[in-house]
Amino acid sequence: MDPVSHTVINLIIFVLAIYVGYHVVWTVTPALHTPLMAVTNAISAIVIVGAMLAAALTTTPLGKTMGVLAVALAAVNVFGGFLVTRRMLEMFKKKDKKSAPKAEEGASK
């Protein structure tokens, strides 16, 4: 028997990953948010492909159900990421100034 259980080691790695991920995400400048969202969408797309392969290779109904659930949740993540990215990009667009109506220009002359 090992002096430290594999479950404890995995739990420690999981907690450290949450801690590091939290600090990495909250220190990102707003200018880098959009490129990071694009990378996250790409990773989620890879998760969709992996979940589809895992669901196809599984023989049990529970495995197929979990695979379909994984595909659905990753798809929601991808589409939500695209919506957030589009919204962020719209914030950086220059706004057109409304031109004054021509009638007011003639009256001021």
C-alpha atoms as a PDB file:
ATOM      1  CA  MET A   1       0.000   0.000   0.000  1.00  0.00           C
ATOM      2  CA  ASP A   2       1.253   3.468  -0.853  1.00  0.00           C
ATOM      3  CA  PRO A   3       2.014   5.900   1.993  1.00  0.00           C
ATOM      4  CA  VAL A   4      -0.247   8.476   0.302  1.00  0.00           C
ATOM      5  CA  SER A   5      -3.410   7.506  -1.530  1.00  0.00           C
ATOM      6  CA  HIS A   6      -3.723   8.339  -5.221  1.00  0.00           C
ATOM      7  CA  THR A   7      -7.076   9.933  -4.441  1.00  0.00           C
ATOM      8  CA  VAL A   8      -5.438  12.388  -2.046  1.00  0.00           C
ATOM      9  CA  ILE A   9      -2.769  13.272  -4.612  1.00  0.00           C
ATOM     10  CA  ASN A  10      -5.425  13.831  -7.292  1.00  0.00           C
ATOM     11  CA  LEU A  11      -7.454  15.979  -4.892  1.00  0.00           C
ATOM     12  CA  ILE A  12      -4.391  18.121  -4.094  1.00  0.00           C
ATOM     13  CA  ILE A  13      -3.681  18.593  -7.824  1.00  0.00           C
ATOM     14  CA  PHE A  14      -7.328  19.522  -8.413  1.00  0.00           C
ATOM     15  CA  VAL A  15      -7.326  22.124  -5.624  1.00  0.00           C
ATOM     16  CA  LEU A  16      -4.026  23.609  -6.835  1.00  0.00           C
ATOM     17  CA  ALA A  17      -5.389  23.795 -10.398  1.00  0.00           C
ATOM     18  CA  ILE A  18      -8.444  25.687  -9.145  1.00  0.00           C
ATOM     19  CA  TYR A  19      -6.258  28.087  -7.156  1.00  0.00           C
ATOM     20  CA  VAL A  20      -3.852  28.780 -10.024  1.00  0.00           C
ATOM     21  CA  GLY A  21      -6.686  29.044 -12.561  1.00  0.00           C
ATOM     22  CA  TYR A  22      -8.561  31.538 -10.389  1.00  0.00           C
ATOM     23  CA  HIS A  23      -5.546  33.808 -10.045  1.00  0.00           C
ATOM     24  CA  VAL A  24      -4.607  33.537 -13.712  1.00  0.00           C
ATOM     25  CA  VAL A  25      -8.114  34.430 -14.916  1.00  0.00           C
ATOM     26  CA  TRP A  26      -8.633  37.369 -12.565  1.00  0.00           C
ATOM     27  CA  THR A  27      -5.301  38.990 -13.476  1.00  0.00           C
ATOM     28  CA  VAL A  28      -6.019  39.035 -17.234  1.00  0.00           C
ATOM     29  CA  THR A  29      -6.270  42.523 -18.680  1.00  0.00           C
ATOM     30  CA  PRO A  30      -9.467  43.308 -20.611  1.00  0.00           C
ATOM     31  CA  ALA A  31      -7.497  43.633 -23.868  1.00  0.00           C
ATOM     32  CA  LEU A  32      -6.446  39.977 -23.627  1.00  0.00           C
ATOM     33  CA  HIS A  33      -9.896  38.691 -22.747  1.00  0.00           C
ATOM     34  CA  THR A  34     -11.077  38.229 -26.333  1.00  0.00           C
ATOM     35  CA  PRO A  35      -8.054  36.197 -27.533  1.00  0.00           C
ATOM     36  CA  LEU A  36      -8.282  34.012 -24.441  1.00  0.00           C
ATOM     37  CA  MET A  37     -11.972  33.401 -25.111  1.00  0.00           C
ATOM     38  CA  ALA A  38     -11.090  32.302 -28.640  1.00  0.00           C
ATOM     39  CA  VAL A  39      -8.567  29.806 -27.258  1.00  0.00           C
ATOM     40  CA  THR A  40     -11.107  28.575 -24.723  1.00  0.00           C
ATOM     41  CA  ASN A  41     -13.618  28.035 -27.521  1.00  0.00           C
ATOM     42  CA  ALA A  42     -11.034  26.007 -29.432  1.00  0.00           C
ATOM     43  CA  ILE A  43     -10.345  23.850 -26.369  1.00  0.00           C
ATOM     44  CA  SER A  44     -14.070  23.296 -25.866  1.00  0.00           C
ATOM     45  CA  ALA A  45     -14.382  22.260 -29.510  1.00  0.00           C
ATOM     46  CA  ILE A  46     -11.683  19.657 -28.909  1.00  0.00           C
ATOM     47  CA  VAL A  47     -13.624  18.500 -25.832  1.00  0.00           C
ATOM     48  CA  ILE A  48     -16.702  18.037 -28.048  1.00  0.00           C
ATOM     49  CA  VAL A  49     -14.759  15.815 -30.442  1.00  0.00           C
ATOM     50  CA  GLY A  50     -13.287  13.814 -27.555  1.00  0.00           C
ATOM     51  CA  ALA A  51     -16.688  13.392 -25.909  1.00  0.00           C
ATOM     52  CA  MET A  52     -18.193  12.224 -29.197  1.00  0.00           C
ATOM     53  CA  LEU A  53     -15.422   9.653 -29.611  1.00  0.00           C
ATOM     54  CA  ALA A  54     -15.751   8.487 -26.016  1.00  0.00           C
ATOM     55  CA  ALA A  55     -19.532   8.180 -26.317  1.00  0.00           C
ATOM     56  CA  ALA A  56     -19.216   6.233 -29.571  1.00  0.00           C
ATOM     57  CA  LEU A  57     -16.743   3.753 -28.082  1.00  0.00           C
ATOM     58  CA  THR A  58     -18.729   3.148 -24.890  1.00  0.00           C
ATOM     59  CA  THR A  59     -20.923   0.072 -24.643  1.00  0.00           C
ATOM     60  CA  THR A  60     -22.939   0.857 -21.504  1.00  0.00           C
ATOM     61  CA  PRO A  61     -26.025   3.095 -21.496  1.00  0.00           C
ATOM     62  CA  LEU A  62     -24.556   5.156 -18.644  1.00  0.00           C
ATOM     63  CA  GLY A  63     -21.419   5.811 -20.688  1.00  0.00           C
ATOM     64  CA  LYS A  64     -23.470   6.862 -23.718  1.00  0.00           C
ATOM     65  CA  THR A  65     -25.588   9.167 -21.549  1.00  0.00           C
ATOM     66  CA  MET A  66     -22.517  10.761 -19.989  1.00  0.00           C
ATOM     67  CA  GLY A  67     -20.982  11.201 -23.448  1.00  0.00           C
ATOM     68  CA  VAL A  68     -24.095  12.933 -24.773  1.00  0.00           C
ATOM     69  CA  LEU A  69     -24.191  15.134 -21.667  1.00  0.00           C
ATOM     70  CA  ALA A  70     -20.517  16.039 -22.141  1.00  0.00           C
ATOM     71  CA  VAL A  71     -21.139  16.958 -25.786  1.00  0.00           C
ATOM     72  CA  ALA A  72     -24.151  19.097 -24.853  1.00  0.00           C
ATOM     73  CA  LEU A  73     -22.344  20.972 -22.064  1.00  0.00           C
ATOM     74  CA  ALA A  74     -19.263  21.593 -24.209  1.00  0.00           C
ATOM     75  CA  ALA A  75     -21.491  22.861 -27.044  1.00  0.00           C
ATOM     76  CA  VAL A  76     -23.210  25.286 -24.678  1.00  0.00           C
ATOM     77  CA  ASN A  77     -19.764  26.465 -23.574  1.00  0.00           C
ATOM     78  CA  VAL A  78     -18.620  27.008 -27.176  1.00  0.00           C
ATOM     79  CA  PHE A  79     -21.721  28.929 -28.248  1.00  0.00           C
ATOM     80  CA  GLY A  80     -21.737  30.991 -25.053  1.00  0.00           C
ATOM     81  CA  GLY A  81     -18.068  31.784 -25.582  1.00  0.00           C
ATOM     82  CA  PHE A  82     -18.762  33.001 -29.099  1.00  0.00           C
ATOM     83  CA  LEU A  83     -21.567  35.231 -27.811  1.00  0.00           C
ATOM     84  CA  VAL A  84     -19.324  36.711 -25.130  1.00  0.00           C
ATOM     85  CA  THR A  85     -16.495  37.217 -27.627  1.00  0.00           C
ATOM     86  CA  ARG A  86     -18.805  38.998 -30.060  1.00  0.00           C
ATOM     87  CA  ARG A  87     -20.084  41.228 -27.287  1.00  0.00           C
ATOM     88  CA  MET A  88     -16.551  42.076 -26.193  1.00  0.00           C
ATOM     89  CA  LEU A  89     -15.533  42.914 -29.767  1.00  0.00           C
ATOM     90  CA  GLU A  90     -18.545  45.221 -30.118  1.00  0.00           C
ATOM     91  CA  MET A  91     -17.324  47.154 -27.079  1.00  0.00           C
ATOM     92  CA  PHE A  92     -14.088  47.986 -28.917  1.00  0.00           C
ATOM     93  CA  LYS A  93     -15.788  49.266 -32.073  1.00  0.00           C
ATOM     94  CA  LYS A  94     -15.701  52.978 -32.681  1.00  0.00           C
ATOM     95  CA  LYS A  95     -19.069  54.590 -32.353  1.00  0.00           C
ATOM     96  CA  ASP A  96     -20.191  56.824 -35.207  1.00  0.00           C
ATOM     97  CA  LYS A  97     -20.998  60.356 -34.155  1.00  0.00           C
ATOM     98  CA  LYS A  98     -24.457  61.396 -35.173  1.00  0.00           C
ATOM     99  CA  SER A  99     -24.258  64.116 -37.802  1.00  0.00           C
ATOM    100  CA  ALA A 100     -26.319  67.214 -37.175  1.00  0.00           C
ATOM    101  CA  PRO A 101     -29.460  67.513 -39.298  1.00  0.00           C
ATOM    102  CA  LYS A 102     -29.056  69.734 -42.377  1.00  0.00           C
ATOM    103  CA  ALA A 103     -31.931  72.036 -41.372  1.00  0.00           C
ATOM    104  CA  GLU A 104     -30.077  73.105 -38.210  1.00  0.00           C
ATOM    105  CA  GLU A 105     -26.909  73.835 -40.188  1.00  0.00           C
ATOM    106  CA  GLY A 106     -28.812  76.177 -42.540  1.00  0.00           C
ATOM    107  CA  ALA A 107     -30.490  77.977 -39.634  1.00  0.00           C
ATOM    108  CA  SER A 108     -27.195  78.663 -37.852  1.00  0.00           C
ATOM    109  CA  LYS A 109     -25.637  80.374 -40.907  1.00  0.00           C
END
